[in-house]
Structures are given as structure tokens and as C-alpha cells.
């Protein structure tokens, strides 16, 4: 599992995925969420603007898993 650091206390899921280079657009996040492929700490996510913070584990089925850390 790759660790990705953020410089803020929270970040929106869609912003995190774009900033980390995991996806290219908010539209991609929307489709992944609609397909039920996005999880935070093991819970399926239904909103792309969900706030995440250091310590959270973000997972996209068949793509990868990342731990959010502080920079």
C-alpha cells in the first residue's frame, strides 16, 4: 500500500485522487463511485466530495489502495 501525504488536515476524496495522480478528472471519480468501486476505511463511498484525513485508507477496486498521511 502506497502512502500519500497531504499538507492539510482534510481533503476531499476527488481532490485527493486527482492530486495524487490516481485519476485525471472528477468525472472519473463519479463513475468509479457510481460503480461501487471506491472505499474509505473499508466502507463503500457514495459521494465524491467526502472528506478524508491522515490515517484514512482509500481503496479503488482493481486499481489500488493508498494510506493518507501528513507531509
PDB file of N, CA and C in Angstrom:
ATOM      1  N   UNK A   1       0.851  -1.173   0.000  1.00  0.00           N
ATOM      2  CA  UNK A   1       0.000   0.000   0.000  1.00  0.00           C
ATOM      3  C   UNK A   1       0.898   1.238   0.000  1.00  0.00           C
ATOM      4  N   UNK A   2       0.636   2.113  -0.927  1.00  0.00           N
ATOM      5  CA  UNK A   2       1.407   3.350  -1.042  1.00  0.00           C
ATOM      6  C   UNK A   2       0.881   4.385  -0.058  1.00  0.00           C
ATOM      7  N   UNK A   3       1.788   5.170   0.528  1.00  0.00           N
ATOM      8  CA  UNK A   3       1.392   6.271   1.403  1.00  0.00           C
ATOM      9  C   UNK A   3       1.477   7.569   0.613  1.00  0.00           C
ATOM     10  N   UNK A   4       0.431   8.390   0.742  1.00  0.00           N
ATOM     11  CA  UNK A   4       0.392   9.675   0.048  1.00  0.00           C
ATOM     12  C   UNK A   4       0.139  10.763   1.082  1.00  0.00           C
ATOM     13  N   UNK A   5       1.070  11.718   1.169  1.00  0.00           N
ATOM     14  CA  UNK A   5       0.975  12.779   2.158  1.00  0.00           C
ATOM     15  C   UNK A   5       0.185  13.977   1.671  1.00  0.00           C
ATOM     16  N   UNK A   6      -0.579  14.556   2.599  1.00  0.00           N
ATOM     17  CA  UNK A   6      -1.297  15.800   2.311  1.00  0.00           C
ATOM     18  C   UNK A   6      -0.807  16.864   3.292  1.00  0.00           C
ATOM     19  N   UNK A   7      -0.916  18.126   2.900  1.00  0.00           N
ATOM     20  CA  UNK A   7      -0.416  19.212   3.746  1.00  0.00           C
ATOM     21  C   UNK A   7      -1.534  19.915   4.506  1.00  0.00           C
ATOM     22  N   UNK A   8      -2.755  19.384   4.427  1.00  0.00           N
ATOM     23  CA  UNK A   8      -3.898  19.961   5.128  1.00  0.00           C
ATOM     24  C   UNK A   8      -4.457  18.925   6.100  1.00  0.00           C
ATOM     25  N   UNK A   9      -5.378  19.351   6.971  1.00  0.00           N
ATOM     26  CA  UNK A   9      -5.956  18.407   7.929  1.00  0.00           C
ATOM     27  C   UNK A   9      -6.985  17.499   7.276  1.00  0.00           C
ATOM     28  N   UNK A  10      -7.653  17.983   6.230  1.00  0.00           N
ATOM     29  CA  UNK A  10      -8.599  17.164   5.462  1.00  0.00           C
ATOM     30  C   UNK A  10      -8.485  17.531   3.991  1.00  0.00           C
ATOM     31  N   UNK A  11      -8.991  16.648   3.139  1.00  0.00           N
ATOM     32  CA  UNK A  11      -9.043  16.906   1.702  1.00  0.00           C
ATOM     33  C   UNK A  11     -10.230  16.124   1.147  1.00  0.00           C
ATOM     34  N   UNK A  12     -10.872  16.680   0.140  1.00  0.00           N
ATOM     35  CA  UNK A  12     -11.986  15.976  -0.484  1.00  0.00           C
ATOM     36  C   UNK A  12     -11.450  14.794  -1.283  1.00  0.00           C
ATOM     37  N   UNK A  13     -12.215  13.709  -1.294  1.00  0.00           N
ATOM     38  CA  UNK A  13     -11.808  12.491  -1.984  1.00  0.00           C
ATOM     39  C   UNK A  13     -11.427  12.757  -3.432  1.00  0.00           C
ATOM     40  N   UNK A  14     -12.271  13.480  -4.174  1.00  0.00           N
ATOM     41  CA  UNK A  14     -11.976  13.727  -5.590  1.00  0.00           C
ATOM     42  C   UNK A  14     -10.693  14.529  -5.761  1.00  0.00           C
ATOM     43  N   UNK A  15     -10.466  15.513  -4.893  1.00  0.00           N
ATOM     44  CA  UNK A  15      -9.242  16.311  -4.969  1.00  0.00           C
ATOM     45  C   UNK A  15      -8.013  15.457  -4.650  1.00  0.00           C
ATOM     46  N   UNK A  16      -8.141  14.598  -3.660  1.00  0.00           N
ATOM     47  CA  UNK A  16      -7.035  13.712  -3.283  1.00  0.00           C
ATOM     48  C   UNK A  16      -6.643  12.808  -4.441  1.00  0.00           C
ATOM     49  N   UNK A  17      -7.626  12.188  -5.076  1.00  0.00           N
ATOM     50  CA  UNK A  17      -7.341  11.257  -6.168  1.00  0.00           C
ATOM     51  C   UNK A  17      -6.723  11.966  -7.371  1.00  0.00           C
ATOM     52  N   UNK A  18      -7.165  13.192  -7.649  1.00  0.00           N
ATOM     53  CA  UNK A  18      -6.574  13.961  -8.753  1.00  0.00           C
ATOM     54  C   UNK A  18      -5.164  14.417  -8.381  1.00  0.00           C
ATOM     55  N   UNK A  19      -4.994  14.945  -7.169  1.00  0.00           N
ATOM     56  CA  UNK A  19      -3.696  15.456  -6.722  1.00  0.00           C
ATOM     57  C   UNK A  19      -2.642  14.350  -6.719  1.00  0.00           C
ATOM     58  N   UNK A  20      -3.045  13.143  -6.321  1.00  0.00           N
ATOM     59  CA  UNK A  20      -2.115  12.017  -6.241  1.00  0.00           C
ATOM     60  C   UNK A  20      -1.838  11.393  -7.606  1.00  0.00           C
ATOM     61  N   UNK A  21      -2.552  11.842  -8.642  1.00  0.00           N
ATOM     62  CA  UNK A  21      -2.347  11.309  -9.981  1.00  0.00           C
ATOM     63  C   UNK A  21      -2.992   9.947 -10.198  1.00  0.00           C
ATOM     64  N   UNK A  22      -3.936   9.594  -9.344  1.00  0.00           N
ATOM     65  CA  UNK A  22      -4.609   8.303  -9.439  1.00  0.00           C
ATOM     66  C   UNK A  22      -5.665   8.335 -10.540  1.00  0.00           C
ATOM     67  N   UNK A  23      -6.345   9.457 -10.654  1.00  0.00           N
ATOM     68  CA  UNK A  23      -7.329   9.652 -11.728  1.00  0.00           C
ATOM     69  C   UNK A  23      -7.055  11.015 -12.368  1.00  0.00           C
ATOM     70  N   UNK A  24      -7.663  11.264 -13.513  1.00  0.00           N
ATOM     71  CA  UNK A  24      -7.400  12.508 -14.231  1.00  0.00           C
ATOM     72  C   UNK A  24      -8.483  13.556 -14.072  1.00  0.00           C
ATOM     73  N   UNK A  25      -9.721  13.134 -13.743  1.00  0.00           N
ATOM     74  CA  UNK A  25     -10.805  14.116 -13.674  1.00  0.00           C
ATOM     75  C   UNK A  25     -11.845  13.724 -12.638  1.00  0.00           C
ATOM     76  N   UNK A  26     -12.635  14.716 -12.239  1.00  0.00           N
ATOM     77  CA  UNK A  26     -13.732  14.460 -11.322  1.00  0.00           C
ATOM     78  C   UNK A  26     -14.760  13.523 -11.922  1.00  0.00           C
ATOM     79  N   UNK A  27     -14.888  13.551 -13.241  1.00  0.00           N
ATOM     80  CA  UNK A  27     -15.822  12.657 -13.922  1.00  0.00           C
ATOM     81  C   UNK A  27     -15.451  11.198 -13.723  1.00  0.00           C
ATOM     82  N   UNK A  28     -14.153  10.927 -13.712  1.00  0.00           N
ATOM     83  CA  UNK A  28     -13.695   9.554 -13.471  1.00  0.00           C
ATOM     84  C   UNK A  28     -14.062   9.102 -12.064  1.00  0.00           C
ATOM     85  N   UNK A  29     -13.896   9.999 -11.093  1.00  0.00           N
ATOM     86  CA  UNK A  29     -14.249   9.674  -9.713  1.00  0.00           C
ATOM     87  C   UNK A  29     -15.735   9.343  -9.629  1.00  0.00           C
ATOM     88  N   UNK A  30     -16.551  10.168 -10.268  1.00  0.00           N
ATOM     89  CA  UNK A  30     -18.000   9.960 -10.251  1.00  0.00           C
ATOM     90  C   UNK A  30     -18.359   8.571 -10.780  1.00  0.00           C
ATOM     91  N   UNK A  31     -17.758   8.172 -11.892  1.00  0.00           N
ATOM     92  CA  UNK A  31     -18.050   6.864 -12.478  1.00  0.00           C
ATOM     93  C   UNK A  31     -17.598   5.723 -11.567  1.00  0.00           C
ATOM     94  N   UNK A  32     -16.427   5.856 -10.971  1.00  0.00           N
ATOM     95  CA  UNK A  32     -15.927   4.821 -10.063  1.00  0.00           C
ATOM     96  C   UNK A  32     -16.846   4.667  -8.854  1.00  0.00           C
ATOM     97  N   UNK A  33     -17.323   5.802  -8.325  1.00  0.00           N
ATOM     98  CA  UNK A  33     -18.235   5.767  -7.176  1.00  0.00           C
ATOM     99  C   UNK A  33     -19.569   5.154  -7.579  1.00  0.00           C
ATOM    100  N   UNK A  34     -20.102   5.562  -8.737  1.00  0.00           N
ATOM    101  CA  UNK A  34     -21.375   5.007  -9.209  1.00  0.00           C
ATOM    102  C   UNK A  34     -21.288   3.498  -9.409  1.00  0.00           C
ATOM    103  N   UNK A  35     -20.109   3.007  -9.787  1.00  0.00           N
ATOM    104  CA  UNK A  35     -19.909   1.572  -9.994  1.00  0.00           C
ATOM    105  C   UNK A  35     -19.635   0.823  -8.683  1.00  0.00           C
ATOM    106  N   UNK A  36     -19.588   1.569  -7.566  1.00  0.00           N
ATOM    107  CA  UNK A  36     -19.384   0.939  -6.258  1.00  0.00           C
ATOM    108  C   UNK A  36     -17.973   0.459  -6.006  1.00  0.00           C
ATOM    109  N   UNK A  37     -16.999   1.119  -6.610  1.00  0.00           N
ATOM    110  CA  UNK A  37     -15.614   0.655  -6.533  1.00  0.00           C
ATOM    111  C   UNK A  37     -14.738   1.418  -5.546  1.00  0.00           C
ATOM    112  N   UNK A  38     -15.279   2.462  -4.892  1.00  0.00           N
ATOM    113  CA  UNK A  38     -14.460   3.315  -4.029  1.00  0.00           C
ATOM    114  C   UNK A  38     -14.817   3.087  -2.558  1.00  0.00           C
ATOM    115  N   UNK A  39     -13.764   2.879  -1.748  1.00  0.00           N
ATOM    116  CA  UNK A  39     -13.947   2.615  -0.324  1.00  0.00           C
ATOM    117  C   UNK A  39     -12.992   3.478   0.490  1.00  0.00           C
ATOM    118  N   UNK A  40     -13.459   3.937   1.644  1.00  0.00           N
ATOM    119  CA  UNK A  40     -12.598   4.612   2.615  1.00  0.00           C
ATOM    120  C   UNK A  40     -12.715   3.817   3.906  1.00  0.00           C
ATOM    121  N   UNK A  41     -11.575   3.344   4.390  1.00  0.00           N
ATOM    122  CA  UNK A  41     -11.530   2.530   5.609  1.00  0.00           C
ATOM    123  C   UNK A  41     -12.494   1.350   5.541  1.00  0.00           C
ATOM    124  N   UNK A  42     -12.618   0.765   4.357  1.00  0.00           N
ATOM    125  CA  UNK A  42     -13.452  -0.416   4.180  1.00  0.00           C
ATOM    126  C   UNK A  42     -14.928  -0.156   3.944  1.00  0.00           C
ATOM    127  N   UNK A  43     -15.342   1.122   3.963  1.00  0.00           N
ATOM    128  CA  UNK A  43     -16.743   1.477   3.759  1.00  0.00           C
ATOM    129  C   UNK A  43     -16.935   2.034   2.355  1.00  0.00           C
ATOM    130  N   UNK A  44     -17.913   1.495   1.642  1.00  0.00           N
ATOM    131  CA  UNK A  44     -18.196   1.974   0.283  1.00  0.00           C
ATOM    132  C   UNK A  44     -18.637   3.437   0.340  1.00  0.00           C
ATOM    133  N   UNK A  45     -18.103   4.236  -0.576  1.00  0.00           N
ATOM    134  CA  UNK A  45     -18.373   5.670  -0.600  1.00  0.00           C
ATOM    135  C   UNK A  45     -19.349   6.005  -1.721  1.00  0.00           C
ATOM    136  N   UNK A  46     -20.269   6.949  -1.422  1.00  0.00           N
ATOM    137  CA  UNK A  46     -21.283   7.347  -2.394  1.00  0.00           C
ATOM    138  C   UNK A  46     -21.202   8.827  -2.760  1.00  0.00           C
ATOM    139  N   UNK A  47     -20.231   9.550  -2.201  1.00  0.00           N
ATOM    140  CA  UNK A  47     -20.087  10.972  -2.514  1.00  0.00           C
ATOM    141  C   UNK A  47     -18.628  11.298  -2.818  1.00  0.00           C
ATOM    142  N   UNK A  48     -18.409  11.979  -3.933  1.00  0.00           N
ATOM    143  CA  UNK A  48     -17.026  12.235  -4.338  1.00  0.00           C
ATOM    144  C   UNK A  48     -16.365  13.348  -3.543  1.00  0.00           C
ATOM    145  N   UNK A  49     -17.142  14.147  -2.849  1.00  0.00           N
ATOM    146  CA  UNK A  49     -16.566  15.229  -2.042  1.00  0.00           C
ATOM    147  C   UNK A  49     -16.386  14.835  -0.575  1.00  0.00           C
ATOM    148  N   UNK A  50     -16.465  13.544  -0.303  1.00  0.00           N
ATOM    149  CA  UNK A  50     -16.268  13.026   1.052  1.00  0.00           C
ATOM    150  C   UNK A  50     -14.905  13.482   1.565  1.00  0.00           C
ATOM    151  N   UNK A  51     -14.878  14.007   2.789  1.00  0.00           N
ATOM    152  CA  UNK A  51     -13.622  14.477   3.382  1.00  0.00           C
ATOM    153  C   UNK A  51     -12.825  13.287   3.907  1.00  0.00           C
ATOM    154  N   UNK A  52     -11.546  13.290   3.590  1.00  0.00           N
ATOM    155  CA  UNK A  52     -10.648  12.283   4.138  1.00  0.00           C
ATOM    156  C   UNK A  52      -9.524  12.995   4.873  1.00  0.00           C
ATOM    157  N   UNK A  53      -8.842  12.264   5.739  1.00  0.00           N
ATOM    158  CA  UNK A  53      -7.797  12.860   6.571  1.00  0.00           C
ATOM    159  C   UNK A  53      -6.665  11.863   6.775  1.00  0.00           C
ATOM    160  N   UNK A  54      -5.524  12.340   7.285  1.00  0.00           N
ATOM    161  CA  UNK A  54      -4.417  11.420   7.535  1.00  0.00           C
ATOM    162  C   UNK A  54      -4.872  10.245   8.404  1.00  0.00           C
ATOM    163  N   UNK A  55      -4.415   9.063   8.023  1.00  0.00           N
ATOM    164  CA  UNK A  55      -4.803   7.838   8.712  1.00  0.00           C
ATOM    165  C   UNK A  55      -5.841   7.043   7.942  1.00  0.00           C
ATOM    166  N   UNK A  56      -6.579   7.718   7.046  1.00  0.00           N
ATOM    167  CA  UNK A  56      -7.593   7.028   6.246  1.00  0.00           C
ATOM    168  C   UNK A  56      -6.940   6.154   5.179  1.00  0.00           C
ATOM    169  N   UNK A  57      -7.620   5.070   4.842  1.00  0.00           N
ATOM    170  CA  UNK A  57      -7.195   4.170   3.770  1.00  0.00           C
ATOM    171  C   UNK A  57      -8.203   4.306   2.635  1.00  0.00           C
ATOM    172  N   UNK A  58      -7.725   4.701   1.462  1.00  0.00           N
ATOM    173  CA  UNK A  58      -8.574   4.852   0.279  1.00  0.00           C
ATOM    174  C   UNK A  58      -8.292   3.669  -0.641  1.00  0.00           C
ATOM    175  N   UNK A  59      -9.350   3.019  -1.087  1.00  0.00           N
ATOM    176  CA  UNK A  59      -9.188   1.862  -1.966  1.00  0.00           C
ATOM    177  C   UNK A  59     -10.135   1.967  -3.149  1.00  0.00           C
ATOM    178  N   UNK A  60      -9.609   1.687  -4.329  1.00  0.00           N
ATOM    179  CA  UNK A  60     -10.422   1.581  -5.538  1.00  0.00           C
ATOM    180  C   UNK A  60     -10.216   0.167  -6.061  1.00  0.00           C
ATOM    181  N   UNK A  61     -11.296  -0.584  -6.117  1.00  0.00           N
ATOM    182  CA  UNK A  61     -11.245  -1.981  -6.535  1.00  0.00           C
ATOM    183  C   UNK A  61     -10.526  -2.128  -7.874  1.00  0.00           C
ATOM    184  N   UNK A  62      -9.601  -3.057  -7.937  1.00  0.00           N
ATOM    185  CA  UNK A  62      -8.815  -3.388  -9.132  1.00  0.00           C
ATOM    186  C   UNK A  62      -7.872  -2.276  -9.589  1.00  0.00           C
ATOM    187  N   UNK A  63      -7.744  -1.207  -8.786  1.00  0.00           N
ATOM    188  CA  UNK A  63      -6.813  -0.127  -9.143  1.00  0.00           C
ATOM    189  C   UNK A  63      -5.719   0.008  -8.091  1.00  0.00           C
ATOM    190  N   UNK A  64      -6.101   0.101  -6.816  1.00  0.00           N
ATOM    191  CA  UNK A  64      -5.087   0.229  -5.783  1.00  0.00           C
ATOM    192  C   UNK A  64      -5.635   0.629  -4.440  1.00  0.00           C
ATOM    193  N   UNK A  65      -4.685   0.771  -3.496  1.00  0.00           N
ATOM    194  CA  UNK A  65      -5.014   1.109  -2.117  1.00  0.00           C
ATOM    195  C   UNK A  65      -3.947   2.070  -1.615  1.00  0.00           C
ATOM    196  N   UNK A  66      -4.379   3.155  -0.943  1.00  0.00           N
ATOM    197  CA  UNK A  66      -3.461   4.192  -0.502  1.00  0.00           C
ATOM    198  C   UNK A  66      -3.776   4.612   0.919  1.00  0.00           C
ATOM    199  N   UNK A  67      -2.725   4.866   1.686  1.00  0.00           N
ATOM    200  CA  UNK A  67      -2.891   5.400   3.036  1.00  0.00           C
ATOM    201  C   UNK A  67      -2.599   6.890   2.989  1.00  0.00           C
ATOM    202  N   UNK A  68      -3.513   7.686   3.543  1.00  0.00           N
ATOM    203  CA  UNK A  68      -3.344   9.134   3.598  1.00  0.00           C
ATOM    204  C   UNK A  68      -2.472   9.452   4.810  1.00  0.00           C
ATOM    205  N   UNK A  69      -1.406  10.223   4.588  1.00  0.00           N
ATOM    206  CA  UNK A  69      -0.505  10.625   5.667  1.00  0.00           C
ATOM    207  C   UNK A  69      -0.313  12.137   5.614  1.00  0.00           C
ATOM    208  N   UNK A  70       0.411  12.665   6.591  1.00  0.00           N
ATOM    209  CA  UNK A  70       0.765  14.082   6.558  1.00  0.00           C
ATOM    210  C   UNK A  70       2.108  14.226   5.866  1.00  0.00           C
ATOM    211  N   UNK A  71       2.311  15.372   5.217  1.00  0.00           N
ATOM    212  CA  UNK A  71       3.594  15.621   4.538  1.00  0.00           C
ATOM    213  C   UNK A  71       4.646  16.010   5.536  1.00  0.00           C
TER     214      UNK A  71
END
